Protein backbone atom coordinates (compact mmCIF):
# COMPACT_ATOMS: atom_id res chain seq x y z
CA UNK A 1 -7.06 -41.11 -12.94
CA UNK A 2 -6.21 -43.73 -15.49
CA UNK A 3 -5.48 -47.33 -14.63
CA UNK A 4 -2.50 -49.42 -15.64
CA UNK A 5 -2.03 -53.18 -15.85
CA UNK A 6 1.32 -54.40 -14.53
CA UNK A 7 2.53 -57.89 -15.49
CA UNK A 8 5.61 -59.65 -14.09
CA UNK A 9 7.55 -60.94 -17.13
CA UNK A 10 11.00 -61.68 -15.66
CA UNK A 11 11.95 -63.64 -12.58
CA UNK A 12 12.81 -61.88 -9.34
CA UNK A 13 15.44 -64.53 -8.46
CA UNK A 14 18.92 -63.02 -7.87
CA UNK A 15 17.50 -59.49 -7.75
CA UNK A 16 18.21 -57.05 -4.88
CA UNK A 17 15.97 -57.26 -1.83
CA UNK A 18 14.63 -53.74 -2.48
CA UNK A 19 13.29 -54.80 -5.90
CA UNK A 20 11.70 -57.92 -4.42
CA UNK A 21 9.92 -55.76 -1.84
CA UNK A 22 8.64 -53.41 -4.54
CA UNK A 23 7.21 -56.36 -6.46
CA UNK A 24 5.60 -57.69 -3.28
CA UNK A 25 4.03 -54.32 -2.50
CA UNK A 26 2.65 -54.14 -6.05
CA UNK A 27 1.06 -57.56 -5.50
CA UNK A 28 3.17 -59.44 -8.07
CA UNK A 29 4.15 -62.85 -6.74
CA UNK A 30 4.43 -65.37 -9.54
CA UNK A 31 5.87 -64.99 -13.00
CA UNK A 32 3.08 -63.95 -15.35
CA UNK A 33 0.86 -62.53 -12.63
CA UNK A 34 -0.92 -59.24 -13.35
CA UNK A 35 -2.48 -56.49 -11.27
CA UNK A 36 -4.49 -53.41 -12.16
CA UNK A 37 -3.62 -50.24 -10.26
CA UNK A 38 -4.48 -46.55 -10.41
CA UNK A 39 -1.72 -44.59 -12.14
CA UNK A 40 -0.71 -42.50 -9.11
CA UNK A 41 2.77 -40.97 -8.82
CA UNK A 42 3.61 -43.48 -6.07
CA UNK A 43 2.67 -46.50 -8.20
CA UNK A 44 4.45 -45.10 -11.27
CA UNK A 45 7.60 -44.59 -9.19
CA UNK A 46 7.48 -48.19 -8.00
CA UNK A 47 7.00 -49.40 -11.58
CA UNK A 48 10.01 -47.35 -12.66
CA UNK A 49 12.19 -49.11 -10.06
CA UNK A 50 11.35 -52.54 -11.51
CA UNK A 51 10.70 -51.55 -15.14
CA UNK A 52 13.19 -54.17 -16.38
CA UNK A 53 11.09 -56.94 -14.75
CA UNK A 54 7.55 -55.86 -15.64
CA UNK A 55 5.42 -54.96 -18.64
CA UNK A 56 2.89 -52.14 -18.28
CA UNK A 57 -0.08 -51.20 -20.38
CA UNK A 58 -2.64 -48.47 -19.96
CA UNK A 59 -6.26 -49.53 -19.62
């Protein structure tokens, strides 16, 4: 499977609790933090839920 890099580009302040939990489960804590994950259907679904807060790029 391919890998994707997910970067938090917008603040999670004043966002619903569900979106904050998705970001936490992805491992994104601070603004500007990045993680590399396998592009599984589960990860892609989580990225879709917070797509307005993150930037993704394929590696």
